[in-house]
């Protein structure tokens, strides 16, 4: 008997043992598996099963023939998108908004969490947390309505202040150069309190003994924040940064669509709104699926790349 045959026999014998061990573990902890079953069903039904329809990106989809009956088109729809007039504008706007949001919106919850963590008065701390969390529970429609009302050129509070200081009213919602700033800053205001919760949880897990030892050594509050708190939450920061970069091309549709108008389309037209126009309004289902698939593939590549870099430099990573 050679080594290959011996290895095959050993592997074949160990496979049933591993299977029996897994079955016993499931039976022993069946309550936990029962609890996670709805989550698994959700992801299967709403995230994995719809992948079946991705194939229409490579077909000329005809509704009467169905997905299987529609003829294959290869990469025709991808080529059409890459050669279209809108490609570079959509890519520039999508990446521009995402990078702007990442540069401004990612650090703000970290700073807010560090500041809230340093508040010693419990009543004031709860008040600040409540005030900063509250905007998260506003619907996107309500948020955009508030933004439009506040930035109105005639009666908005922002332009009222500008006029009081002797300036000219600014049409924030109609000027393309202001769209990204309004979109990002309103999003930061809405989400910074909610996003800070996970950092506060990470800060709560830092050993208080480290701060006591630092105080004995004469460290100031800022030094303790820099040398204890920040390193303590850095694994959480890196994981969330990887996840954020992994969705860099995923600029949400609803808020952009509500803030979009014919005067700011030059800056507000992103991939998600283009998919809506071409897919739902234009009934170009295969073309829209190809654009959406391109968007998802880019996000996947970014996620894998950033996770690989984080792993290479010795930081926390997803896998």
Protein backbone atom coordinates (compact mmCIF):
# COMPACT_ATOMS: atom_id res chain seq x y z
CA UNK A 1 0.00 0.00 0.00
CA UNK A 2 1.52 3.34 -1.02
CA UNK A 3 1.22 6.66 0.82
CA UNK A 4 -1.60 7.93 -1.41
CA UNK A 5 -3.76 4.89 -0.71
CA UNK A 6 -3.05 5.13 3.03
CA UNK A 7 -4.00 8.82 3.05
CA UNK A 8 -7.20 8.11 1.11
CA UNK A 9 -8.23 5.39 3.56
CA UNK A 10 -7.50 7.63 6.55
CA UNK A 11 -9.43 10.53 5.05
CA UNK A 12 -12.34 8.25 4.16
CA UNK A 13 -12.47 6.90 7.70
CA UNK A 14 -12.26 10.34 9.31
CA UNK A 15 -15.05 11.83 7.17
CA UNK A 16 -17.90 9.90 8.85
CA UNK A 17 -16.44 10.73 12.26
CA UNK A 18 -16.43 14.45 11.45
CA UNK A 19 -19.96 14.20 10.10
CA UNK A 20 -21.18 12.40 13.21
CA UNK A 21 -19.46 14.96 15.41
CA UNK A 22 -21.18 17.82 13.53
CA UNK A 23 -24.58 16.11 13.83
CA UNK A 24 -24.09 15.60 17.57
CA UNK A 25 -23.13 19.25 17.98
CA UNK A 26 -26.29 20.36 16.14
CA UNK A 27 -28.49 18.07 18.27
CA UNK A 28 -26.82 19.25 21.48
CA UNK A 29 -27.24 22.95 20.66
CA UNK A 30 -30.46 22.75 18.64
CA UNK A 31 -31.93 25.81 20.40
CA UNK A 32 -29.11 28.02 19.08
CA UNK A 33 -29.47 26.68 15.55
CA UNK A 34 -33.23 27.23 15.77
CA UNK A 35 -32.65 30.87 16.74
CA UNK A 36 -30.36 31.49 13.76
CA UNK A 37 -32.68 29.74 11.27
CA UNK A 38 -34.81 32.87 10.47
CA UNK A 39 -31.63 34.83 9.71
CA UNK A 40 -30.36 32.11 7.39
CA UNK A 41 -33.76 31.94 5.67
CA UNK A 42 -33.78 35.72 5.24
CA UNK A 43 -30.38 35.75 3.54
CA UNK A 44 -31.25 32.76 1.38
CA UNK A 45 -34.63 34.11 0.21
CA UNK A 46 -33.71 37.78 -0.25
CA UNK A 47 -29.97 37.68 -1.06
CA UNK A 48 -28.95 34.30 -2.49
CA UNK A 49 -32.04 33.07 -4.33
CA UNK A 50 -32.37 36.33 -6.37
CA UNK A 51 -28.86 35.66 -7.73
CA UNK A 52 -30.60 33.24 -10.05
CA UNK A 53 -31.84 36.26 -12.01
CA UNK A 54 -28.37 37.75 -12.48
CA UNK A 55 -28.03 35.73 -15.67
CA UNK A 56 -30.31 38.18 -17.50
CA UNK A 57 -27.31 40.55 -17.52
CA UNK A 58 -25.86 38.19 -20.14
CA UNK A 59 -29.11 37.75 -22.08
CA UNK A 60 -31.57 39.79 -24.13
CA UNK A 61 -34.36 39.31 -21.63
CA UNK A 62 -37.84 38.87 -23.09
CA UNK A 63 -40.57 38.70 -20.45
CA UNK A 64 -42.80 36.36 -22.44
CA UNK A 65 -39.98 33.83 -22.83
CA UNK A 66 -38.76 34.04 -19.26
CA UNK A 67 -35.19 33.94 -18.02
CA UNK A 68 -34.33 30.51 -19.41
CA UNK A 69 -36.03 31.09 -22.75
CA UNK A 70 -34.38 34.46 -23.49
CA UNK A 71 -31.45 34.36 -25.93
CA UNK A 72 -27.88 34.79 -24.70
CA UNK A 73 -26.19 38.11 -25.50
CA UNK A 74 -22.77 37.61 -23.94
CA UNK A 75 -21.11 40.82 -22.75
CA UNK A 76 -23.12 43.08 -25.06
CA UNK A 77 -24.82 45.04 -22.29
CA UNK A 78 -21.58 45.55 -20.35
CA UNK A 79 -19.86 46.82 -23.48
CA UNK A 80 -22.76 49.17 -24.16
CA UNK A 81 -22.51 50.59 -20.63
CA UNK A 82 -18.73 51.05 -20.78
CA UNK A 83 -19.00 52.86 -24.12
CA UNK A 84 -21.97 55.03 -23.15
CA UNK A 85 -21.83 58.77 -22.59
CA UNK A 86 -22.98 58.36 -18.99
CA UNK A 87 -20.33 55.87 -17.86
CA UNK A 88 -17.63 58.27 -16.67
CA UNK A 89 -20.13 60.70 -15.19
CA UNK A 90 -21.82 57.95 -13.19
CA UNK A 91 -18.50 56.54 -12.04
CA UNK A 92 -17.19 59.97 -11.04
CA UNK A 93 -20.34 60.91 -9.14
CA UNK A 94 -20.69 57.55 -7.39
CA UNK A 95 -17.05 57.42 -6.31
CA UNK A 96 -17.01 61.14 -5.48
CA UNK A 97 -19.98 60.90 -3.12
CA UNK A 98 -18.73 57.65 -1.57
CA UNK A 99 -15.19 58.89 -0.94
CA UNK A 100 -16.48 62.22 0.41
CA UNK A 101 -18.84 60.34 2.72
CA UNK A 102 -16.06 57.99 3.85
CA UNK A 103 -13.61 60.83 4.50
CA UNK A 104 -16.10 62.90 6.52
CA UNK A 105 -18.66 60.43 7.81
CA UNK A 106 -16.32 57.67 9.00
CA UNK A 107 -14.15 59.62 11.50
CA UNK A 108 -16.98 61.69 13.00
CA UNK A 109 -18.66 58.81 14.94
CA UNK A 110 -15.25 57.81 16.32
CA UNK A 111 -14.58 61.34 17.58
CA UNK A 112 -18.14 61.59 18.96
CA UNK A 113 -17.78 58.27 20.80
CA UNK A 114 -14.46 59.36 22.33
CA UNK A 115 -16.03 62.65 23.45
CA UNK A 116 -19.15 61.01 24.92
CA UNK A 117 -16.97 58.47 26.70
CA UNK A 118 -15.14 61.29 28.50
CA UNK A 119 -18.35 62.88 29.86
CA UNK A 120 -18.59 62.13 33.55
CA UNK A 121 -22.04 63.62 34.33
CA UNK A 122 -24.45 60.74 33.65
CA UNK A 123 -27.50 62.93 33.06
CA UNK A 124 -25.72 65.14 30.54
CA UNK A 125 -24.19 62.07 28.88
CA UNK A 126 -27.63 60.48 28.37
CA UNK A 127 -28.98 63.77 27.03
CA UNK A 128 -26.16 64.05 24.45
CA UNK A 129 -26.63 60.43 23.40
CA UNK A 130 -30.38 60.89 22.96
CA UNK A 131 -29.97 64.06 20.91
CA UNK A 132 -27.35 62.52 18.62
CA UNK A 133 -29.20 59.20 18.21
CA UNK A 134 -32.61 60.73 17.44
CA UNK A 135 -31.99 61.75 13.76
CA UNK A 136 -31.28 58.12 12.86
CA UNK A 137 -34.96 57.28 13.34
CA UNK A 138 -36.13 59.87 10.82
CA UNK A 139 -37.24 58.40 7.51
CA UNK A 140 -35.30 59.44 4.42
CA UNK A 141 -38.33 61.31 3.08
CA UNK A 142 -38.62 63.36 6.28
CA UNK A 143 -34.88 64.03 6.34
CA UNK A 144 -34.83 65.30 2.76
CA UNK A 145 -37.90 67.44 3.48
CA UNK A 146 -36.10 69.03 6.45
CA UNK A 147 -32.98 69.65 4.34
CA UNK A 148 -35.00 71.29 1.55
CA UNK A 149 -36.86 73.44 4.07
CA UNK A 150 -33.69 74.55 5.88
CA UNK A 151 -31.84 75.33 2.63
CA UNK A 152 -34.70 77.12 0.86
CA UNK A 153 -33.40 80.29 -0.91
CA UNK A 154 -36.41 82.31 0.28
CA UNK A 155 -37.29 81.09 3.77
CA UNK A 156 -34.60 78.61 4.79
CA UNK A 157 -32.70 79.29 8.00
CA UNK A 158 -29.32 78.86 6.26
CA UNK A 159 -30.04 81.56 3.68
CA UNK A 160 -31.69 83.76 6.31
CA UNK A 161 -28.39 83.78 8.20
CA UNK A 162 -26.44 84.41 4.98
CA UNK A 163 -28.67 87.38 4.11
CA UNK A 164 -28.39 88.71 7.66
CA UNK A 165 -24.60 88.71 7.26
CA UNK A 166 -24.91 90.65 4.01
CA UNK A 167 -24.52 87.78 1.55
CA UNK A 168 -26.61 86.65 -1.39
CA UNK A 169 -28.98 83.66 -1.07
CA UNK A 170 -27.57 80.36 -2.36
CA UNK A 171 -29.66 77.77 -4.15
CA UNK A 172 -28.06 74.80 -2.43
CA UNK A 173 -30.45 72.25 -3.93
CA UNK A 174 -30.20 73.54 -7.50
CA UNK A 175 -26.44 74.08 -7.82
CA UNK A 176 -24.50 70.93 -8.84
CA UNK A 177 -21.41 72.00 -6.88
CA UNK A 178 -23.35 71.92 -3.58
CA UNK A 179 -25.08 68.56 -4.02
CA UNK A 180 -22.32 66.31 -2.65
CA UNK A 181 -21.73 68.53 0.39
CA UNK A 182 -25.43 68.70 1.26
CA UNK A 183 -25.85 64.95 0.74
CA UNK A 184 -22.83 63.98 2.86
CA UNK A 185 -23.27 66.46 5.72
CA UNK A 186 -26.97 65.68 6.12
CA UNK A 187 -26.07 61.98 6.23
CA UNK A 188 -23.39 62.59 8.85
CA UNK A 189 -25.86 64.53 11.01
CA UNK A 190 -28.39 61.72 10.74
CA UNK A 191 -26.09 58.74 11.35
CA UNK A 192 -23.18 59.91 13.53
CA UNK A 193 -24.92 59.21 16.85
CA UNK A 194 -26.15 55.79 15.82
CA UNK A 195 -22.79 54.83 14.31
CA UNK A 196 -20.99 55.83 17.51
CA UNK A 197 -22.79 53.11 19.52
CA UNK A 198 -20.44 50.33 18.41
CA UNK A 199 -17.40 52.45 19.30
CA UNK A 200 -18.86 53.22 22.73
CA UNK A 201 -19.34 49.48 23.23
CA UNK A 202 -15.70 48.90 22.28
CA UNK A 203 -14.58 51.66 24.66
CA UNK A 204 -16.59 50.05 27.47
CA UNK A 205 -14.53 46.89 27.00
CA UNK A 206 -11.19 48.60 27.69
CA UNK A 207 -9.65 47.60 31.02
CA UNK A 208 -10.08 50.52 33.51
CA UNK A 209 -6.82 49.42 35.12
CA UNK A 210 -4.94 50.78 32.12
CA UNK A 211 -6.33 54.26 32.79
CA UNK A 212 -5.56 54.00 36.50
CA UNK A 213 -1.97 53.03 35.75
CA UNK A 214 -1.67 55.87 33.23
CA UNK A 215 -2.97 58.36 35.82
CA UNK A 216 -0.37 57.16 38.32
CA UNK A 217 2.30 57.76 35.68
CA UNK A 218 1.00 61.30 35.19
CA UNK A 219 -0.68 60.89 31.80
CA UNK A 220 -3.13 63.61 30.82
CA UNK A 221 -6.64 62.88 29.53
CA UNK A 222 -5.61 63.48 25.92
CA UNK A 223 -2.62 61.17 26.32
CA UNK A 224 -4.86 58.43 27.73
CA UNK A 225 -7.28 58.85 24.82
CA UNK A 226 -4.42 58.64 22.32
CA UNK A 227 -2.46 55.78 23.87
CA UNK A 228 -5.24 53.68 25.48
CA UNK A 229 -8.67 54.40 23.99
CA UNK A 230 -7.69 54.66 20.33
CA UNK A 231 -5.54 51.48 20.29
CA UNK A 232 -8.30 49.73 22.24
CA UNK A 233 -10.94 50.40 19.58
CA UNK A 234 -8.61 50.10 16.57
CA UNK A 235 -9.67 46.51 15.67
CA UNK A 236 -13.30 47.68 15.56
CA UNK A 237 -12.31 50.72 13.48
CA UNK A 238 -10.44 48.57 10.95
CA UNK A 239 -13.29 46.06 10.57
CA UNK A 240 -15.83 48.83 10.00
CA UNK A 241 -13.48 50.59 7.58
CA UNK A 242 -13.17 47.39 5.54
CA UNK A 243 -16.96 47.03 5.45
CA UNK A 244 -17.41 50.67 4.46
CA UNK A 245 -14.90 50.43 1.63
CA UNK A 246 -16.57 47.20 0.54
CA UNK A 247 -19.76 49.17 -0.11
CA UNK A 248 -17.99 52.17 -1.64
CA UNK A 249 -19.94 51.95 -4.90
CA UNK A 250 -23.23 51.36 -3.09
CA UNK A 251 -24.53 54.92 -2.88
CA UNK A 252 -28.14 54.55 -1.75
CA UNK A 253 -30.90 55.20 -4.26
CA UNK A 254 -33.68 56.72 -2.15
CA UNK A 255 -31.96 59.79 -0.73
CA UNK A 256 -30.18 60.66 -3.98
CA UNK A 257 -33.42 60.28 -5.92
CA UNK A 258 -35.34 62.52 -3.52
CA UNK A 259 -32.67 65.22 -3.60
CA UNK A 260 -32.19 65.01 -7.36
CA UNK A 261 -33.68 67.53 -9.78
CA UNK A 262 -33.06 68.59 -13.35
CA UNK A 263 -30.66 71.35 -12.25
CA UNK A 264 -28.27 69.22 -10.19
CA UNK A 265 -28.32 66.00 -12.27
CA UNK A 266 -24.75 66.64 -13.37
CA UNK A 267 -23.55 65.90 -9.82
CA UNK A 268 -26.39 63.75 -8.47
CA UNK A 269 -26.71 61.10 -11.18
CA UNK A 270 -25.22 57.89 -9.74
CA UNK A 271 -25.30 54.23 -10.76
CA UNK A 272 -28.37 53.40 -8.64
CA UNK A 273 -30.48 56.19 -10.17
CA UNK A 274 -29.28 55.25 -13.65
CA UNK A 275 -30.31 51.62 -13.06
CA UNK A 276 -33.75 52.86 -11.96
CA UNK A 277 -34.18 54.99 -15.08
CA UNK A 278 -32.95 52.41 -17.55
CA UNK A 279 -34.36 49.34 -15.84
CA UNK A 280 -37.75 50.32 -14.45
CA UNK A 281 -38.67 53.39 -16.48
CA UNK A 282 -36.96 52.29 -19.71
CA UNK A 283 -37.81 48.58 -19.32
CA UNK A 284 -34.22 47.68 -20.30
CA UNK A 285 -33.98 44.89 -17.76
CA UNK A 286 -30.91 43.14 -19.10
CA UNK A 287 -28.95 46.37 -19.45
CA UNK A 288 -29.91 47.51 -15.94
CA UNK A 289 -28.93 44.11 -14.53
CA UNK A 290 -25.54 44.38 -16.22
CA UNK A 291 -24.94 47.82 -14.70
CA UNK A 292 -25.97 46.63 -11.26
CA UNK A 293 -23.77 43.53 -11.56
CA UNK A 294 -20.79 45.68 -12.52
CA UNK A 295 -21.42 47.79 -9.41
CA UNK A 296 -21.55 44.70 -7.17
CA UNK A 297 -18.39 43.17 -8.65
CA UNK A 298 -16.43 46.38 -8.06
CA UNK A 299 -17.61 46.41 -4.43
CA UNK A 300 -16.54 42.77 -4.01
CA UNK A 301 -13.08 43.49 -5.44
CA UNK A 302 -12.65 46.48 -3.12
CA UNK A 303 -13.72 44.41 -0.11
CA UNK A 304 -11.30 41.58 -0.89
CA UNK A 305 -8.45 44.00 -1.62
CA UNK A 306 -8.82 46.06 1.55
CA UNK A 307 -9.24 42.94 3.70
CA UNK A 308 -6.06 41.49 2.16
CA UNK A 309 -4.14 44.72 2.86
CA UNK A 310 -5.38 44.82 6.47
CA UNK A 311 -4.29 41.20 6.95
CA UNK A 312 -0.88 41.89 5.39
CA UNK A 313 -0.12 44.79 7.75
CA UNK A 314 -1.23 42.79 10.79
CA UNK A 315 -4.51 44.58 11.45
CA UNK A 316 -7.89 43.05 12.25
CA UNK A 317 -9.60 41.55 9.18
CA UNK A 318 -12.80 39.78 8.22
CA UNK A 319 -11.21 36.42 7.37
